[in-house]
Amino acid sequence: MEGLVWETAEELDMKLAERVRNIRKRRSISQQKLATMSNVSYGSIKRFETKGQISLINLTKISMALGIADELRNAFTQVPYRNIEEVINERK
């Protein structure tokens, strides 16, 4: 049985946006300054922080500007196998 999902994709996106916003604020970086640092438009950063909407390339640029690219780089690297079939399929 697959794991139950208790949140929507939009809710998950907003949690990610909130985490990034908190890191930005913790480092005393304004949205405008982050836009300059990351070469991502101010509007894109504002939309991400308020609606959770952003392209993957812009999320990567923001992560690099905030010095947290390793967090993104390591996403999905520790995903456990759900069954032996997945182990076999990965080795094909």
N, C-alpha and C. Protein backbone atom coordinates (compact mmCIF):
# COMPACT_ATOMS: atom_id res chain seq x y z
N MET A 1 0.84 -1.18 0.00
CA MET A 1 0.00 0.00 0.00
C MET A 1 0.88 1.24 0.00
N GLU A 2 0.58 2.16 -0.87
CA GLU A 2 1.32 3.41 -0.96
C GLU A 2 1.09 4.24 0.30
N GLY A 3 2.07 5.07 0.64
CA GLY A 3 1.90 5.96 1.78
C GLY A 3 0.80 6.98 1.51
N LEU A 4 0.08 7.34 2.52
CA LEU A 4 -0.99 8.31 2.38
C LEU A 4 -0.41 9.70 2.29
N VAL A 5 -0.99 10.53 1.44
CA VAL A 5 -0.56 11.91 1.27
C VAL A 5 -1.58 12.79 1.97
N TRP A 6 -1.13 13.56 2.94
CA TRP A 6 -2.03 14.39 3.72
C TRP A 6 -1.95 15.86 3.34
N GLU A 7 -1.20 16.18 2.30
CA GLU A 7 -1.12 17.57 1.86
C GLU A 7 -1.13 17.62 0.35
N THR A 8 -1.54 18.74 -0.17
CA THR A 8 -1.59 18.92 -1.62
C THR A 8 -0.22 19.36 -2.12
N ALA A 9 -0.05 19.31 -3.42
CA ALA A 9 1.20 19.80 -4.02
C ALA A 9 1.40 21.27 -3.69
N GLU A 10 0.32 22.03 -3.71
CA GLU A 10 0.40 23.46 -3.41
C GLU A 10 0.84 23.69 -1.96
N GLU A 11 0.34 22.88 -1.04
CA GLU A 11 0.74 23.01 0.36
C GLU A 11 2.22 22.67 0.55
N LEU A 12 2.67 21.65 -0.14
CA LEU A 12 4.08 21.28 -0.07
C LEU A 12 4.95 22.39 -0.65
N ASP A 13 4.53 22.97 -1.77
CA ASP A 13 5.27 24.09 -2.37
C ASP A 13 5.36 25.27 -1.41
N MET A 14 4.25 25.55 -0.71
CA MET A 14 4.24 26.67 0.23
C MET A 14 5.17 26.41 1.42
N LYS A 15 5.25 25.18 1.87
CA LYS A 15 6.17 24.85 2.97
C LYS A 15 7.62 25.08 2.54
N LEU A 16 7.93 24.69 1.31
CA LEU A 16 9.28 24.92 0.78
C LEU A 16 9.56 26.41 0.67
N ALA A 17 8.60 27.16 0.14
CA ALA A 17 8.76 28.61 0.01
C ALA A 17 8.95 29.26 1.38
N GLU A 18 8.21 28.80 2.37
CA GLU A 18 8.34 29.35 3.73
C GLU A 18 9.73 29.08 4.30
N ARG A 19 10.25 27.90 4.05
CA ARG A 19 11.60 27.58 4.54
C ARG A 19 12.64 28.48 3.90
N VAL A 20 12.53 28.67 2.59
CA VAL A 20 13.48 29.53 1.88
C VAL A 20 13.34 30.98 2.36
N ARG A 21 12.10 31.45 2.53
CA ARG A 21 11.88 32.81 3.02
C ARG A 21 12.49 32.99 4.41
N ASN A 22 12.32 32.00 5.28
CA ASN A 22 12.89 32.09 6.63
C ASN A 22 14.42 32.16 6.59
N ILE A 23 15.03 31.41 5.70
CA ILE A 23 16.50 31.47 5.55
C ILE A 23 16.90 32.85 5.06
N ARG A 24 16.18 33.38 4.08
CA ARG A 24 16.47 34.72 3.56
C ARG A 24 16.38 35.75 4.68
N LYS A 25 15.32 35.70 5.45
CA LYS A 25 15.13 36.67 6.53
C LYS A 25 16.18 36.49 7.63
N ARG A 26 16.50 35.26 7.95
CA ARG A 26 17.51 34.98 8.98
C ARG A 26 18.85 35.61 8.60
N ARG A 27 19.11 35.68 7.32
CA ARG A 27 20.37 36.25 6.83
C ARG A 27 20.24 37.74 6.52
N SER A 28 19.11 38.33 6.88
CA SER A 28 18.86 39.77 6.69
C SER A 28 19.02 40.19 5.23
N ILE A 29 18.44 39.40 4.34
CA ILE A 29 18.49 39.70 2.91
C ILE A 29 17.08 40.04 2.46
N SER A 30 16.92 41.21 1.86
CA SER A 30 15.60 41.60 1.35
C SER A 30 15.29 40.83 0.07
N GLN A 31 14.03 40.83 -0.31
CA GLN A 31 13.65 40.18 -1.56
C GLN A 31 14.37 40.85 -2.73
N GLN A 32 14.48 42.17 -2.70
CA GLN A 32 15.15 42.89 -3.78
C GLN A 32 16.63 42.52 -3.85
N LYS A 33 17.28 42.44 -2.70
CA LYS A 33 18.69 42.07 -2.66
C LYS A 33 18.88 40.64 -3.17
N LEU A 34 17.98 39.73 -2.78
CA LEU A 34 18.06 38.35 -3.27
C LEU A 34 17.88 38.30 -4.78
N ALA A 35 17.00 39.14 -5.29
CA ALA A 35 16.80 39.20 -6.74
C ALA A 35 18.11 39.56 -7.45
N THR A 36 18.80 40.53 -6.91
CA THR A 36 20.09 40.94 -7.48
C THR A 36 21.13 39.84 -7.34
N MET A 37 21.20 39.25 -6.15
CA MET A 37 22.19 38.20 -5.89
C MET A 37 21.99 36.97 -6.77
N SER A 38 20.73 36.64 -7.04
CA SER A 38 20.41 35.38 -7.73
C SER A 38 20.14 35.56 -9.22
N ASN A 39 19.99 36.81 -9.65
CA ASN A 39 19.60 37.08 -11.04
C ASN A 39 18.22 36.48 -11.35
N VAL A 40 17.35 36.50 -10.34
CA VAL A 40 15.95 36.09 -10.47
C VAL A 40 15.13 37.35 -10.22
N SER A 41 14.12 37.58 -11.01
CA SER A 41 13.36 38.82 -10.87
C SER A 41 12.71 38.93 -9.49
N TYR A 42 12.57 40.17 -9.05
CA TYR A 42 11.90 40.45 -7.77
C TYR A 42 10.50 39.86 -7.77
N GLY A 43 9.79 40.00 -8.89
CA GLY A 43 8.43 39.46 -9.00
C GLY A 43 8.39 37.95 -8.83
N SER A 44 9.38 37.26 -9.37
CA SER A 44 9.44 35.80 -9.23
C SER A 44 9.68 35.40 -7.78
N ILE A 45 10.54 36.14 -7.11
CA ILE A 45 10.82 35.84 -5.70
C ILE A 45 9.58 36.12 -4.85
N LYS A 46 8.93 37.24 -5.11
CA LYS A 46 7.71 37.58 -4.36
C LYS A 46 6.63 36.53 -4.59
N ARG A 47 6.45 36.11 -5.84
CA ARG A 47 5.43 35.10 -6.16
C ARG A 47 5.77 33.77 -5.48
N PHE A 48 7.04 33.40 -5.46
CA PHE A 48 7.45 32.17 -4.79
C PHE A 48 7.12 32.23 -3.30
N GLU A 49 7.47 33.33 -2.67
CA GLU A 49 7.27 33.43 -1.23
C GLU A 49 5.80 33.56 -0.83
N THR A 50 4.96 34.07 -1.72
CA THR A 50 3.55 34.24 -1.37
C THR A 50 2.65 33.13 -1.90
N LYS A 51 3.03 32.53 -3.04
CA LYS A 51 2.18 31.52 -3.66
C LYS A 51 2.85 30.16 -3.81
N GLY A 52 4.17 30.10 -3.59
CA GLY A 52 4.89 28.84 -3.73
C GLY A 52 5.18 28.47 -5.17
N GLN A 53 5.03 29.40 -6.09
CA GLN A 53 5.22 29.11 -7.51
C GLN A 53 6.57 29.63 -7.99
N ILE A 54 7.37 28.72 -8.56
CA ILE A 54 8.68 29.10 -9.08
C ILE A 54 9.17 28.01 -10.02
N SER A 55 9.99 28.40 -10.99
CA SER A 55 10.58 27.40 -11.87
C SER A 55 11.74 26.73 -11.15
N LEU A 56 12.08 25.54 -11.59
CA LEU A 56 13.19 24.82 -10.96
C LEU A 56 14.50 25.59 -11.13
N ILE A 57 14.73 26.17 -12.30
CA ILE A 57 15.98 26.91 -12.52
C ILE A 57 16.07 28.11 -11.57
N ASN A 58 14.96 28.81 -11.35
CA ASN A 58 14.99 29.94 -10.43
C ASN A 58 15.16 29.50 -8.98
N LEU A 59 14.57 28.37 -8.62
CA LEU A 59 14.78 27.84 -7.27
C LEU A 59 16.26 27.49 -7.08
N THR A 60 16.86 26.93 -8.11
CA THR A 60 18.29 26.60 -8.05
C THR A 60 19.13 27.86 -7.89
N LYS A 61 18.82 28.90 -8.65
CA LYS A 61 19.56 30.17 -8.55
C LYS A 61 19.43 30.78 -7.16
N ILE A 62 18.23 30.75 -6.61
CA ILE A 62 18.00 31.29 -5.27
C ILE A 62 18.78 30.48 -4.24
N SER A 63 18.73 29.17 -4.37
CA SER A 63 19.47 28.29 -3.45
C SER A 63 20.96 28.58 -3.49
N MET A 64 21.48 28.78 -4.68
CA MET A 64 22.91 29.08 -4.82
C MET A 64 23.24 30.43 -4.18
N ALA A 65 22.39 31.43 -4.41
CA ALA A 65 22.63 32.76 -3.85
C ALA A 65 22.58 32.74 -2.32
N LEU A 66 21.73 31.90 -1.76
CA LEU A 66 21.62 31.81 -0.30
C LEU A 66 22.64 30.85 0.32
N GLY A 67 23.41 30.18 -0.53
CA GLY A 67 24.42 29.24 -0.03
C GLY A 67 23.83 27.94 0.47
N ILE A 68 22.68 27.56 -0.07
CA ILE A 68 22.02 26.32 0.36
C ILE A 68 21.83 25.36 -0.81
N ALA A 69 22.66 25.48 -1.82
CA ALA A 69 22.53 24.62 -3.00
C ALA A 69 22.72 23.15 -2.65
N ASP A 70 23.51 22.85 -1.62
CA ASP A 70 23.69 21.45 -1.22
C ASP A 70 22.37 20.81 -0.81
N GLU A 71 21.49 21.58 -0.20
CA GLU A 71 20.18 21.05 0.18
C GLU A 71 19.41 20.59 -1.05
N LEU A 72 19.48 21.38 -2.10
CA LEU A 72 18.79 21.03 -3.34
C LEU A 72 19.52 19.89 -4.05
N ARG A 73 20.83 19.96 -4.06
CA ARG A 73 21.64 18.92 -4.70
C ARG A 73 21.39 17.56 -4.08
N ASN A 74 21.13 17.54 -2.79
CA ASN A 74 20.95 16.28 -2.07
C ASN A 74 19.50 15.80 -2.02
N ALA A 75 18.60 16.53 -2.67
CA ALA A 75 17.20 16.11 -2.69
C ALA A 75 17.09 14.74 -3.37
N PHE A 76 16.32 13.88 -2.80
CA PHE A 76 16.02 12.55 -3.34
C PHE A 76 17.22 11.60 -3.35
N THR A 77 18.29 11.92 -2.64
CA THR A 77 19.45 11.02 -2.64
C THR A 77 19.33 9.91 -1.60
N GLN A 78 18.45 10.07 -0.64
CA GLN A 78 18.31 9.08 0.43
C GLN A 78 16.93 8.41 0.41
N VAL A 79 16.36 8.25 -0.76
CA VAL A 79 15.04 7.64 -0.88
C VAL A 79 15.17 6.13 -0.70
N PRO A 80 14.52 5.58 0.33
CA PRO A 80 14.64 4.14 0.56
C PRO A 80 13.86 3.33 -0.48
N TYR A 81 14.33 2.13 -0.71
CA TYR A 81 13.61 1.22 -1.59
C TYR A 81 12.31 0.80 -0.91
N ARG A 82 11.25 0.68 -1.70
CA ARG A 82 9.97 0.24 -1.14
C ARG A 82 9.82 -1.27 -1.19
N ASN A 83 10.56 -1.90 -2.10
CA ASN A 83 10.48 -3.36 -2.22
C ASN A 83 11.68 -3.86 -3.02
N ILE A 84 11.86 -5.16 -3.08
CA ILE A 84 13.00 -5.76 -3.78
C ILE A 84 12.94 -5.49 -5.28
N GLU A 85 11.75 -5.36 -5.82
CA GLU A 85 11.61 -5.08 -7.25
C GLU A 85 12.28 -3.76 -7.62
N GLU A 86 12.18 -2.76 -6.76
CA GLU A 86 12.84 -1.49 -7.03
C GLU A 86 14.36 -1.64 -7.05
N VAL A 87 14.89 -2.46 -6.19
CA VAL A 87 16.33 -2.73 -6.17
C VAL A 87 16.76 -3.35 -7.49
N ILE A 88 16.01 -4.34 -7.93
CA ILE A 88 16.31 -5.03 -9.19
C ILE A 88 16.19 -4.08 -10.36
N ASN A 89 15.13 -3.28 -10.39
CA ASN A 89 14.90 -2.36 -11.50
C ASN A 89 15.99 -1.30 -11.60
N GLU A 90 16.51 -0.86 -10.47
CA GLU A 90 17.55 0.16 -10.49
C GLU A 90 18.84 -0.36 -11.11
N ARG A 91 19.08 -1.62 -10.98
CA ARG A 91 20.32 -2.21 -11.49
C ARG A 91 20.24 -2.60 -12.96
N LYS A 92 19.08 -2.45 -13.58
CA LYS A 92 18.91 -2.81 -15.00
C LYS A 92 19.50 -1.74 -15.89
